[in-house]
PDB file of N, CA and C in Angstrom:
ATOM      1  N   MET A   1     -36.789 -13.049   9.404  1.00  0.00           N
ATOM      2  CA  MET A   1     -35.910 -13.607   8.396  1.00  0.00           C
ATOM      3  C   MET A   1     -35.350 -12.501   7.497  1.00  0.00           C
ATOM      4  N   LYS A   2     -36.198 -11.552   7.106  1.00  0.00           N
ATOM      5  CA  LYS A   2     -35.759 -10.456   6.253  1.00  0.00           C
ATOM      6  C   LYS A   2     -34.769  -9.559   6.988  1.00  0.00           C
ATOM      7  N   ILE A   3     -35.003  -9.376   8.271  1.00  0.00           N
ATOM      8  CA  ILE A   3     -34.097  -8.551   9.075  1.00  0.00           C
ATOM      9  C   ILE A   3     -32.717  -9.191   9.139  1.00  0.00           C
ATOM     10  N   MET A   4     -32.662 -10.505   9.249  1.00  0.00           N
ATOM     11  CA  MET A   4     -31.380 -11.217   9.296  1.00  0.00           C
ATOM     12  C   MET A   4     -30.605 -11.044   7.987  1.00  0.00           C
ATOM     13  N   LYS A   5     -31.300 -11.077   6.855  1.00  0.00           N
ATOM     14  CA  LYS A   5     -30.650 -10.893   5.563  1.00  0.00           C
ATOM     15  C   LYS A   5     -30.100  -9.477   5.433  1.00  0.00           C
ATOM     16  N   VAL A   6     -30.871  -8.502   5.877  1.00  0.00           N
ATOM     17  CA  VAL A   6     -30.427  -7.111   5.819  1.00  0.00           C
ATOM     18  C   VAL A   6     -29.221  -6.905   6.732  1.00  0.00           C
ATOM     19  N   MET A   7     -29.261  -7.487   7.915  1.00  0.00           N
ATOM     20  CA  MET A   7     -28.138  -7.363   8.846  1.00  0.00           C
ATOM     21  C   MET A   7     -26.889  -8.050   8.295  1.00  0.00           C
ATOM     22  N   ALA A   8     -27.043  -9.214   7.690  1.00  0.00           N
ATOM     23  CA  ALA A   8     -25.905  -9.922   7.107  1.00  0.00           C
ATOM     24  C   ALA A   8     -25.303  -9.130   5.951  1.00  0.00           C
ATOM     25  N   ALA A   9     -26.166  -8.579   5.102  1.00  0.00           N
ATOM     26  CA  ALA A   9     -25.682  -7.776   3.982  1.00  0.00           C
ATOM     27  C   ALA A   9     -24.993  -6.506   4.482  1.00  0.00           C
ATOM     28  N   SER A  10     -25.538  -5.903   5.517  1.00  0.00           N
ATOM     29  CA  SER A  10     -24.935  -4.700   6.090  1.00  0.00           C
ATOM     30  C   SER A  10     -23.570  -5.000   6.688  1.00  0.00           C
ATOM     31  N   CYS A  11     -23.470  -6.105   7.394  1.00  0.00           N
ATOM     32  CA  CYS A  11     -22.184  -6.493   7.982  1.00  0.00           C
ATOM     33  C   CYS A  11     -21.146  -6.783   6.906  1.00  0.00           C
ATOM     34  N   LEU A  12     -21.566  -7.443   5.841  1.00  0.00           N
ATOM     35  CA  LEU A  12     -20.663  -7.740   4.739  1.00  0.00           C
ATOM     36  C   LEU A  12     -20.190  -6.456   4.071  1.00  0.00           C
ATOM     37  N   LEU A  13     -21.100  -5.539   3.837  1.00  0.00           N
ATOM     38  CA  LEU A  13     -20.755  -4.264   3.225  1.00  0.00           C
ATOM     39  C   LEU A  13     -19.832  -3.463   4.134  1.00  0.00           C
ATOM     40  N   LEU A  14     -20.113  -3.459   5.419  1.00  0.00           N
ATOM     41  CA  LEU A  14     -19.283  -2.738   6.372  1.00  0.00           C
ATOM     42  C   LEU A  14     -17.894  -3.352   6.472  1.00  0.00           C
ATOM     43  N   ALA A  15     -17.829  -4.666   6.413  1.00  0.00           N
ATOM     44  CA  ALA A  15     -16.537  -5.358   6.518  1.00  0.00           C
ATOM     45  C   ALA A  15     -15.651  -5.094   5.310  1.00  0.00           C
ATOM     46  N   THR A  16     -16.260  -4.908   4.154  1.00  0.00           N
ATOM     47  CA  THR A  16     -15.463  -4.675   2.948  1.00  0.00           C
ATOM     48  C   THR A  16     -15.237  -3.209   2.664  1.00  0.00           C
ATOM     49  N   SER A  17     -15.883  -2.318   3.383  1.00  0.00           N
ATOM     50  CA  SER A  17     -15.765  -0.899   3.079  1.00  0.00           C
ATOM     51  C   SER A  17     -14.392  -0.362   3.462  1.00  0.00           C
ATOM     52  N   GLY A  18     -13.678   0.107   2.457  1.00  0.00           N
ATOM     53  CA  GLY A  18     -12.369   0.696   2.695  1.00  0.00           C
ATOM     54  C   GLY A  18     -11.314  -0.301   3.072  1.00  0.00           C
ATOM     55  N   CYS A  19     -11.527  -1.548   2.740  1.00  0.00           N
ATOM     56  CA  CYS A  19     -10.617  -2.605   3.152  1.00  0.00           C
ATOM     57  C   CYS A  19      -9.198  -2.374   2.623  1.00  0.00           C
ATOM     58  N   SER A  20      -9.052  -1.980   1.369  1.00  0.00           N
ATOM     59  CA  SER A  20      -7.725  -1.732   0.798  1.00  0.00           C
ATOM     60  C   SER A  20      -7.018  -0.602   1.531  1.00  0.00           C
ATOM     61  N   SER A  21      -7.758   0.412   1.894  1.00  0.00           N
ATOM     62  CA  SER A  21      -7.157   1.536   2.611  1.00  0.00           C
ATOM     63  C   SER A  21      -6.692   1.131   4.000  1.00  0.00           C
ATOM     64  N   ILE A  22      -7.522   0.377   4.690  1.00  0.00           N
ATOM     65  CA  ILE A  22      -7.151  -0.053   6.043  1.00  0.00           C
ATOM     66  C   ILE A  22      -5.904  -0.921   5.988  1.00  0.00           C
ATOM     67  N   MET A  23      -5.861  -1.867   5.046  1.00  0.00           N
ATOM     68  CA  MET A  23      -4.688  -2.733   4.928  1.00  0.00           C
ATOM     69  C   MET A  23      -3.453  -1.930   4.540  1.00  0.00           C
ATOM     70  N   SER A  24      -3.597  -0.958   3.661  1.00  0.00           N
ATOM     71  CA  SER A  24      -2.457  -0.154   3.226  1.00  0.00           C
ATOM     72  C   SER A  24      -1.915   0.718   4.348  1.00  0.00           C
ATOM     73  N   HIS A  25      -2.793   1.168   5.224  1.00  0.00           N
ATOM     74  CA  HIS A  25      -2.352   2.045   6.302  1.00  0.00           C
ATOM     75  C   HIS A  25      -1.787   1.297   7.505  1.00  0.00           C
ATOM     76  N   THR A  26      -1.927  -0.011   7.551  1.00  0.00           N
ATOM     77  CA  THR A  26      -1.356  -0.755   8.671  1.00  0.00           C
ATOM     78  C   THR A  26       0.113  -1.073   8.449  1.00  0.00           C
ATOM     79  N   GLY A  27       0.584  -0.953   7.230  1.00  0.00           N
ATOM     80  CA  GLY A  27       1.981  -1.221   6.909  1.00  0.00           C
ATOM     81  C   GLY A  27       2.781   0.064   6.851  1.00  0.00           C
ATOM     82  N   PRO A  28       3.914   0.004   6.181  1.00  0.00           N
ATOM     83  CA  PRO A  28       4.755   1.199   6.064  1.00  0.00           C
ATOM     84  C   PRO A  28       4.096   2.271   5.203  1.00  0.00           C
ATOM     85  N   ASP A  29       4.593   3.483   5.321  1.00  0.00           N
ATOM     86  CA  ASP A  29       4.058   4.621   4.580  1.00  0.00           C
ATOM     87  C   ASP A  29       4.152   4.352   3.081  1.00  0.00           C
ATOM     88  N   GLN A  30       3.029   4.499   2.389  1.00  0.00           N
ATOM     89  CA  GLN A  30       2.993   4.267   0.943  1.00  0.00           C
ATOM     90  C   GLN A  30       2.523   5.488   0.184  1.00  0.00           C
ATOM     91  N   GLY A  31       2.591   6.639   0.793  1.00  0.00           N
ATOM     92  CA  GLY A  31       2.193   7.864   0.117  1.00  0.00           C
ATOM     93  C   GLY A  31       0.717   8.170   0.326  1.00  0.00           C
ATOM     94  N   TYR A  32       0.191   8.973  -0.576  1.00  0.00           N
ATOM     95  CA  TYR A  32      -1.191   9.410  -0.474  1.00  0.00           C
ATOM     96  C   TYR A  32      -2.109   8.478  -1.268  1.00  0.00           C
ATOM     97  N   TYR A  33      -3.294   8.235  -0.753  1.00  0.00           N
ATOM     98  CA  TYR A  33      -4.331   7.390  -1.361  1.00  0.00           C
ATOM     99  C   TYR A  33      -3.809   5.987  -1.711  1.00  0.00           C
ATOM    100  N   PRO A  34      -3.144   5.302  -0.773  1.00  0.00           N
ATOM    101  CA  PRO A  34      -2.589   3.982  -1.100  1.00  0.00           C
ATOM    102  C   PRO A  34      -3.648   2.917  -1.347  1.00  0.00           C
ATOM    103  N   GLY A  35      -4.750   2.945  -0.628  1.00  0.00           N
ATOM    104  CA  GLY A  35      -5.796   1.950  -0.824  1.00  0.00           C
ATOM    105  C   GLY A  35      -6.494   2.112  -2.156  1.00  0.00           C
ATOM    106  N   THR A  36      -6.732   3.350  -2.538  1.00  0.00           N
ATOM    107  CA  THR A  36      -7.369   3.621  -3.825  1.00  0.00           C
ATOM    108  C   THR A  36      -6.453   3.189  -4.960  1.00  0.00           C
ATOM    109  N   ARG A  37      -5.158   3.529  -4.853  1.00  0.00           N
ATOM    110  CA  ARG A  37      -4.201   3.106  -5.878  1.00  0.00           C
ATOM    111  C   ARG A  37      -4.120   1.590  -5.963  1.00  0.00           C
ATOM    112  N   SER A  38      -4.135   0.936  -4.825  1.00  0.00           N
ATOM    113  CA  SER A  38      -4.085  -0.521  -4.800  1.00  0.00           C
ATOM    114  C   SER A  38      -5.306  -1.131  -5.487  1.00  0.00           C
ATOM    115  N   SER A  39      -6.471  -0.591  -5.212  1.00  0.00           N
ATOM    116  CA  SER A  39      -7.695  -1.100  -5.837  1.00  0.00           C
ATOM    117  C   SER A  39      -7.670  -0.891  -7.351  1.00  0.00           C
ATOM    118  N   VAL A  40      -7.242   0.278  -7.789  1.00  0.00           N
ATOM    119  CA  VAL A  40      -7.181   0.557  -9.223  1.00  0.00           C
ATOM    120  C   VAL A  40      -6.177  -0.367  -9.897  1.00  0.00           C
ATOM    121  N   ASN A  41      -5.025  -0.575  -9.242  1.00  0.00           N
ATOM    122  CA  ASN A  41      -4.021  -1.472  -9.813  1.00  0.00           C
ATOM    123  C   ASN A  41      -4.542  -2.902  -9.918  1.00  0.00           C
ATOM    124  N   MET A  42      -5.298  -3.344  -8.920  1.00  0.00           N
ATOM    125  CA  MET A  42      -5.870  -4.688  -8.976  1.00  0.00           C
ATOM    126  C   MET A  42      -6.900  -4.803 -10.097  1.00  0.00           C
ATOM    127  N   LEU A  43      -7.670  -3.757 -10.317  1.00  0.00           N
ATOM    128  CA  LEU A  43      -8.653  -3.784 -11.403  1.00  0.00           C
ATOM    129  C   LEU A  43      -7.971  -3.838 -12.773  1.00  0.00           C
ATOM    130  N   LYS A  44      -6.833  -3.174 -12.916  1.00  0.00           N
ATOM    131  CA  LYS A  44      -6.109  -3.149 -14.179  1.00  0.00           C
ATOM    132  C   LYS A  44      -5.316  -4.437 -14.424  1.00  0.00           C
ATOM    133  N   ASP A  45      -4.943  -5.111 -13.347  1.00  0.00           N
ATOM    134  CA  ASP A  45      -4.070  -6.279 -13.447  1.00  0.00           C
ATOM    135  C   ASP A  45      -4.800  -7.478 -14.051  1.00  0.00           C
ATOM    136  N   ASP A  46      -4.182  -8.104 -15.031  1.00  0.00           N
ATOM    137  CA  ASP A  46      -4.766  -9.291 -15.657  1.00  0.00           C
ATOM    138  C   ASP A  46      -4.708 -10.508 -14.746  1.00  0.00           C
ATOM    139  N   GLU A  47      -3.855 -10.478 -13.739  1.00  0.00           N
ATOM    140  CA  GLU A  47      -3.717 -11.589 -12.805  1.00  0.00           C
ATOM    141  C   GLU A  47      -4.854 -11.642 -11.775  1.00  0.00           C
ATOM    142  N   THR A  48      -5.592 -10.550 -11.623  1.00  0.00           N
ATOM    143  CA  THR A  48      -6.704 -10.514 -10.672  1.00  0.00           C
ATOM    144  C   THR A  48      -7.830 -11.395 -11.192  1.00  0.00           C
ATOM    145  N   GLY A  49      -8.294 -12.293 -10.352  1.00  0.00           N
ATOM    146  CA  GLY A  49      -9.326 -13.246 -10.756  1.00  0.00           C
ATOM    147  C   GLY A  49     -10.689 -12.596 -10.948  1.00  0.00           C
ATOM    148  N   TRP A  50     -11.541 -13.300 -11.642  1.00  0.00           N
ATOM    149  CA  TRP A  50     -12.870 -12.785 -11.949  1.00  0.00           C
ATOM    150  C   TRP A  50     -13.722 -12.650 -10.698  1.00  0.00           C
ATOM    151  N   VAL A  51     -13.403 -13.399  -9.645  1.00  0.00           N
ATOM    152  CA  VAL A  51     -14.158 -13.299  -8.395  1.00  0.00           C
ATOM    153  C   VAL A  51     -13.783 -12.022  -7.644  1.00  0.00           C
ATOM    154  N   MET A  52     -12.511 -11.653  -7.714  1.00  0.00           N
ATOM    155  CA  MET A  52     -12.029 -10.491  -6.959  1.00  0.00           C
ATOM    156  C   MET A  52     -12.402  -9.156  -7.595  1.00  0.00           C
ATOM    157  N   LYS A  53     -12.464  -9.107  -8.908  1.00  0.00           N
ATOM    158  CA  LYS A  53     -12.697  -7.814  -9.575  1.00  0.00           C
ATOM    159  C   LYS A  53     -13.984  -7.124  -9.129  1.00  0.00           C
ATOM    160  N   PRO A  54     -15.128  -7.826  -9.023  1.00  0.00           N
ATOM    161  CA  PRO A  54     -16.332  -7.124  -8.532  1.00  0.00           C
ATOM    162  C   PRO A  54     -16.182  -6.663  -7.083  1.00  0.00           C
ATOM    163  N   LEU A  55     -15.504  -7.455  -6.261  1.00  0.00           N
ATOM    164  CA  LEU A  55     -15.292  -7.045  -4.863  1.00  0.00           C
ATOM    165  C   LEU A  55     -14.391  -5.821  -4.782  1.00  0.00           C
ATOM    166  N   VAL A  56     -13.350  -5.800  -5.601  1.00  0.00           N
ATOM    167  CA  VAL A  56     -12.450  -4.646  -5.623  1.00  0.00           C
ATOM    168  C   VAL A  56     -13.184  -3.419  -6.151  1.00  0.00           C
ATOM    169  N   ALA A  57     -14.020  -3.607  -7.181  1.00  0.00           N
ATOM    170  CA  ALA A  57     -14.801  -2.485  -7.715  1.00  0.00           C
ATOM    171  C   ALA A  57     -15.772  -1.949  -6.669  1.00  0.00           C
ATOM    172  N   LEU A  58     -16.342  -2.834  -5.871  1.00  0.00           N
ATOM    173  CA  LEU A  58     -17.243  -2.418  -4.792  1.00  0.00           C
ATOM    174  C   LEU A  58     -16.468  -1.685  -3.698  1.00  0.00           C
ATOM    175  N   ASP A  59     -15.249  -2.114  -3.437  1.00  0.00           N
ATOM    176  CA  ASP A  59     -14.420  -1.525  -2.387  1.00  0.00           C
ATOM    177  C   ASP A  59     -13.836  -0.177  -2.794  1.00  0.00           C
ATOM    178  N   LEU A  60     -13.660   0.062  -4.075  1.00  0.00           N
ATOM    179  CA  LEU A  60     -12.972   1.267  -4.561  1.00  0.00           C
ATOM    180  C   LEU A  60     -13.546   2.580  -4.026  1.00  0.00           C
ATOM    181  N   PRO A  61     -14.846   2.842  -4.108  1.00  0.00           N
ATOM    182  CA  PRO A  61     -15.334   4.124  -3.577  1.00  0.00           C
ATOM    183  C   PRO A  61     -15.168   4.247  -2.061  1.00  0.00           C
ATOM    184  N   PHE A  62     -15.301   3.135  -1.347  1.00  0.00           N
ATOM    185  CA  PHE A  62     -15.116   3.183   0.099  1.00  0.00           C
ATOM    186  C   PHE A  62     -13.645   3.441   0.451  1.00  0.00           C
ATOM    187  N   SER A  63     -12.752   2.843  -0.312  1.00  0.00           N
ATOM    188  CA  SER A  63     -11.328   3.087  -0.092  1.00  0.00           C
ATOM    189  C   SER A  63     -10.991   4.548  -0.356  1.00  0.00           C
ATOM    190  N   ALA A  64     -11.591   5.135  -1.386  1.00  0.00           N
ATOM    191  CA  ALA A  64     -11.344   6.548  -1.678  1.00  0.00           C
ATOM    192  C   ALA A  64     -11.807   7.432  -0.520  1.00  0.00           C
ATOM    193  N   VAL A  65     -12.951   7.102   0.064  1.00  0.00           N
ATOM    194  CA  VAL A  65     -13.457   7.879   1.206  1.00  0.00           C
ATOM    195  C   VAL A  65     -12.539   7.720   2.412  1.00  0.00           C
ATOM    196  N   VAL A  66     -12.145   6.485   2.720  1.00  0.00           N
ATOM    197  CA  VAL A  66     -11.268   6.247   3.867  1.00  0.00           C
ATOM    198  C   VAL A  66      -9.908   6.908   3.639  1.00  0.00           C
ATOM    199  N   ASP A  67      -9.370   6.829   2.417  1.00  0.00           N
ATOM    200  CA  ASP A  67      -8.099   7.505   2.120  1.00  0.00           C
ATOM    201  C   ASP A  67      -8.213   9.011   2.284  1.00  0.00           C
ATOM    202  N   THR A  68      -9.349   9.574   1.907  1.00  0.00           N
ATOM    203  CA  THR A  68      -9.562  11.013   2.076  1.00  0.00           C
ATOM    204  C   THR A  68      -9.621  11.383   3.557  1.00  0.00           C
ATOM    205  N   VAL A  69     -10.305  10.571   4.353  1.00  0.00           N
ATOM    206  CA  VAL A  69     -10.379  10.832   5.795  1.00  0.00           C
ATOM    207  C   VAL A  69      -8.989  10.717   6.423  1.00  0.00           C
ATOM    208  N   LEU A  70      -8.172   9.781   5.936  1.00  0.00           N
ATOM    209  CA  LEU A  70      -6.836   9.564   6.497  1.00  0.00           C
ATOM    210  C   LEU A  70      -5.755  10.427   5.852  1.00  0.00           C
ATOM    211  N   LEU A  71      -6.140  11.359   4.991  1.00  0.00           N
ATOM    212  CA  LEU A  71      -5.179  12.223   4.322  1.00  0.00           C
ATOM    213  C   LEU A  71      -4.314  13.032   5.292  1.00  0.00           C
ATOM    214  N   PRO A  72      -4.859  13.608   6.373  1.00  0.00           N
ATOM    215  CA  PRO A  72      -3.984  14.303   7.330  1.00  0.00           C
ATOM    216  C   PRO A  72      -2.954  13.362   7.968  1.00  0.00           C
ATOM    217  N   TYR A  73      -3.353  12.134   8.250  1.00  0.00           N
ATOM    218  CA  TYR A  73      -2.430  11.140   8.809  1.00  0.00           C
ATOM    219  C   TYR A  73      -1.311  10.831   7.814  1.00  0.00           C
ATOM    220  N   ASP A  74      -1.663  10.693   6.549  1.00  0.00           N
ATOM    221  CA  ASP A  74      -0.649  10.444   5.525  1.00  0.00           C
ATOM    222  C   ASP A  74       0.298  11.628   5.399  1.00  0.00           C
ATOM    223  N   TYR A  75      -0.233  12.831   5.520  1.00  0.00           N
ATOM    224  CA  TYR A  75       0.596  14.029   5.448  1.00  0.00           C
ATOM    225  C   TYR A  75       1.599  14.056   6.596  1.00  0.00           C
ATOM    226  N   LEU A  76       1.150  13.692   7.787  1.00  0.00           N
ATOM    227  CA  LEU A  76       2.056  13.678   8.937  1.00  0.00           C
ATOM    228  C   LEU A  76       3.135  12.596   8.798  1.00  0.00           C
ATOM    229  N   ARG A  77       2.788  11.493   8.183  1.00  0.00           N
ATOM    230  CA  ARG A  77       3.750  10.397   7.997  1.00  0.00           C
ATOM    231  C   ARG A  77       4.682  10.604   6.816  1.00  0.00           C
ATOM    232  N   ALA A  78       4.395  11.561   5.953  1.00  0.00           N
ATOM    233  CA  ALA A  78       5.135  11.725   4.704  1.00  0.00           C
ATOM    234  C   ALA A  78       6.620  11.982   4.932  1.00  0.00           C
ATOM    235  N   ASP A  79       6.980  12.721   5.963  1.00  0.00           N
ATOM    236  CA  ASP A  79       8.381  13.048   6.201  1.00  0.00           C
ATOM    237  C   ASP A  79       9.054  12.106   7.190  1.00  0.00           C
ATOM    238  N   SER A  80       8.357  11.066   7.610  1.00  0.00           N
ATOM    239  CA  SER A  80       8.930  10.162   8.599  1.00  0.00           C
ATOM    240  C   SER A  80       9.986   9.272   7.965  1.00  0.00           C
ATOM    241  N   ASP A  81      10.837   8.724   8.805  1.00  0.00           N
ATOM    242  CA  ASP A  81      11.871   7.796   8.363  1.00  0.00           C
ATOM    243  C   ASP A  81      11.221   6.459   8.055  1.00  0.00           C
ATOM    244  N   LYS A  82      11.253   6.046   6.816  1.00  0.00           N
ATOM    245  CA  LYS A  82      10.581   4.823   6.390  1.00  0.00           C
ATOM    246  C   LYS A  82      11.348   3.560   6.778  1.00  0.00           C
ATOM    247  N   THR A  83      12.595   3.687   7.186  1.00  0.00           N
ATOM    248  CA  THR A  83      13.386   2.504   7.499  1.00  0.00           C
ATOM    249  C   THR A  83      12.864   1.791   8.742  1.00  0.00           C
ATOM    250  N   ALA A  84      12.229   2.506   9.654  1.00  0.00           N
ATOM    251  CA  ALA A  84      11.717   1.865  10.868  1.00  0.00           C
ATOM    252  C   ALA A  84      10.468   1.037  10.584  1.00  0.00           C
ATOM    253  N   ASP A  85       9.712   1.412   9.563  1.00  0.00           N
ATOM    254  CA  ASP A  85       8.451   0.740   9.265  1.00  0.00           C
ATOM    255  C   ASP A  85       8.590  -0.488   8.382  1.00  0.00           C
ATOM    256  N   SER A  86       9.549  -0.475   7.489  1.00  0.00           N
ATOM    257  CA  SER A  86       9.586  -1.484   6.443  1.00  0.00           C
ATOM    258  C   SER A  86      10.894  -2.270   6.443  1.00  0.00           C
ATOM    259  N   PRO A  87      10.822  -3.595   6.468  1.00  0.00           N
ATOM    260  CA  PRO A  87      12.050  -4.391   6.348  1.00  0.00           C
ATOM    261  C   PRO A  87      12.768  -4.115   5.025  1.00  0.00           C
ATOM    262  N   ARG A  88      12.001  -3.918   3.969  1.00  0.00           N
ATOM    263  CA  ARG A  88      12.605  -3.630   2.663  1.00  0.00           C
ATOM    264  C   ARG A  88      13.403  -2.335   2.720  1.00  0.00           C
ATOM    265  N   GLU A  89      12.829  -1.302   3.324  1.00  0.00           N
ATOM    266  CA  GLU A  89      13.517  -0.018   3.433  1.00  0.00           C
ATOM    267  C   GLU A  89      14.754  -0.122   4.315  1.00  0.00           C
ATOM    268  N   ARG A  90      14.677  -0.928   5.382  1.00  0.00           N
ATOM    269  CA  ARG A  90      15.855  -1.119   6.242  1.00  0.00           C
ATOM    270  C   ARG A  90      16.987  -1.772   5.470  1.00  0.00           C
ATOM    271  N   ILE A  91      16.672  -2.783   4.675  1.00  0.00           N
ATOM    272  CA  ILE A  91      17.699  -3.471   3.888  1.00  0.00           C
ATOM    273  C   ILE A  91      18.294  -2.520   2.857  1.00  0.00           C
ATOM    274  N   LEU A  92      17.456  -1.757   2.163  1.00  0.00           N
ATOM    275  CA  LEU A  92      17.959  -0.792   1.192  1.00  0.00           C
ATOM    276  C   LEU A  92      18.847   0.254   1.856  1.00  0.00           C
ATOM    277  N   HIS A  93      18.450   0.706   3.036  1.00  0.00           N
ATOM    278  CA  HIS A  93      19.229   1.692   3.775  1.00  0.00           C
ATOM    279  C   HIS A  93      20.589   1.113   4.167  1.00  0.00           C
ATOM    280  N   GLU A  94      20.620  -0.134   4.654  1.00  0.00           N
ATOM    281  CA  GLU A  94      21.878  -0.778   5.022  1.00  0.00           C
ATOM    282  C   GLU A  94      22.776  -0.969   3.807  1.00  0.00           C
ATOM    283  N   GLU A  95      22.188  -1.354   2.666  1.00  0.00           N
ATOM    284  CA  GLU A  95      22.981  -1.523   1.450  1.00  0.00           C
ATOM    285  C   GLU A  95      23.581  -0.198   0.993  1.00  0.00           C
ATOM    286  N   GLN A  96      22.808   0.880   1.110  1.00  0.00           N
ATOM    287  CA  GLN A  96      23.328   2.186   0.732  1.00  0.00           C
ATOM    288  C   GLN A  96      24.476   2.597   1.646  1.00  0.00           C
ATOM    289  N   GLN A  97      24.367   2.297   2.933  1.00  0.00           N
ATOM    290  CA  GLN A  97      25.448   2.610   3.861  1.00  0.00           C
ATOM    291  C   GLN A  97      26.705   1.807   3.531  1.00  0.00           C
ATOM    292  N   LYS A  98      26.531   0.522   3.197  1.00  0.00           N
ATOM    293  CA  LYS A  98      27.674  -0.312   2.837  1.00  0.00           C
ATOM    294  C   LYS A  98      28.332   0.182   1.557  1.00  0.00           C
ATOM    295  N   LEU A  99      27.513   0.575   0.578  1.00  0.00           N
ATOM    296  CA  LEU A  99      28.063   1.099  -0.666  1.00  0.00           C
ATOM    297  C   LEU A  99      28.813   2.399  -0.445  1.00  0.00           C
ATOM    298  N   ALA A 100      28.285   3.239   0.429  1.00  0.00           N
ATOM    299  CA  ALA A 100      28.955   4.508   0.716  1.00  0.00           C
ATOM    300  C   ALA A 100      30.289   4.278   1.419  1.00  0.00           C
ATOM    301  N   ALA A 101      30.331   3.259   2.270  1.00  0.00           N
ATOM    302  CA  ALA A 101      31.564   2.975   3.004  1.00  0.00           C
ATOM    303  C   ALA A 101      32.624   2.322   2.129  1.00  0.00           C
ATOM    304  N   SER A 102      32.211   1.470   1.186  1.00  0.00           N
ATOM    305  CA  SER A 102      33.186   0.724   0.394  1.00  0.00           C
ATOM    306  C   SER A 102      33.359   1.257  -1.015  1.00  0.00           C
ATOM    307  N   GLY A 103      32.587   2.222  -1.422  1.00  0.00           N
ATOM    308  CA  GLY A 103      32.625   2.702  -2.798  1.00  0.00           C
ATOM    309  C   GLY A 103      31.555   1.993  -3.602  1.00  0.00           C
ATOM    310  N   THR A 104      31.192   2.561  -4.726  1.00  0.00           N
ATOM    311  CA  THR A 104      30.113   1.976  -5.520  1.00  0.00           C
ATOM    312  C   THR A 104      30.668   0.892  -6.438  1.00  0.00           C
ATOM    313  N   PRO A 105      30.119  -0.318  -6.349  1.00  0.00           N
ATOM    314  CA  PRO A 105      30.583  -1.384  -7.235  1.00  0.00           C
ATOM    315  C   PRO A 105      30.056  -1.185  -8.651  1.00  0.00           C
ATOM    316  N   GLY A 106      30.780  -1.738  -9.588  1.00  0.00           N
ATOM    317  CA  GLY A 106      30.329  -1.635 -10.966  1.00  0.00           C
ATOM    318  C   GLY A 106      30.902  -0.431 -11.683  1.00  0.00           C
ATOM    319  N   GLN A 107      31.409   0.536 -10.920  1.00  0.00           N
ATOM    320  CA  GLN A 107      32.033   1.684 -11.554  1.00  0.00           C
ATOM    321  C   GLN A 107      33.524   1.457 -11.557  1.00  0.00           C
ATOM    322  N   THR A 108      34.118   1.612 -12.680  1.00  0.00           N
ATOM    323  CA  THR A 108      35.562   1.400 -12.772  1.00  0.00           C
ATOM    324  C   THR A 108      36.241   2.740 -12.962  1.00  0.00           C
ATOM    325  N   GLY A 109      37.276   2.902 -12.253  1.00  0.00           N
ATOM    326  CA  GLY A 109      38.082   4.088 -12.398  1.00  0.00           C
ATOM    327  C   GLY A 109      39.112   3.815 -13.463  1.00  0.00           C
ATOM    328  N   SER A 110      40.338   4.115 -13.142  1.00  0.00           N
ATOM    329  CA  SER A 110      41.401   3.801 -14.099  1.00  0.00           C
ATOM    330  C   SER A 110      41.801   2.357 -13.893  1.00  0.00           C
ATOM    331  N   VAL A 111      41.708   1.613 -14.939  1.00  0.00           N
ATOM    332  CA  VAL A 111      42.024   0.177 -14.869  1.00  0.00           C
ATOM    333  C   VAL A 111      43.433  -0.022 -15.349  1.00  0.00           C
ATOM    334  N   THR A 112      44.229  -0.702 -14.549  1.00  0.00           N
ATOM    335  CA  THR A 112      45.596  -0.995 -14.955  1.00  0.00           C
ATOM    336  C   THR A 112      45.719  -2.466 -15.256  1.00  0.00           C
ATOM    337  N   HIS A 113      46.390  -2.776 -16.300  1.00  0.00           N
ATOM    338  CA  HIS A 113      46.549  -4.176 -16.685  1.00  0.00           C
ATOM    339  C   HIS A 113      47.914  -4.633 -16.370  1.00  0.00           C
TER     340      HIS A 113
END
């Protein structure tokens, strides 16, 4: 019975270790130490519930370790084109192309009445 409790606790700890880092690295490039930054931001945020804060605090050191291990990977991704990874970046890129082709809206040159 005691062995089962230890195994369950170990599995739970292993499952939560570095969770923010793993989730941050599965999406588009977010710079260096994205999981650690995410955990710190969640701890600072007033919207984070009282149930999540202890879990995030427990995850923070593991996320820092995983982010450190993945630092070379982040370095290699730093110069990559972000438009392929992120729908948001693709939309921003398309909008910038449209603005460049049609001129920047909101700026007025000489106005004739």
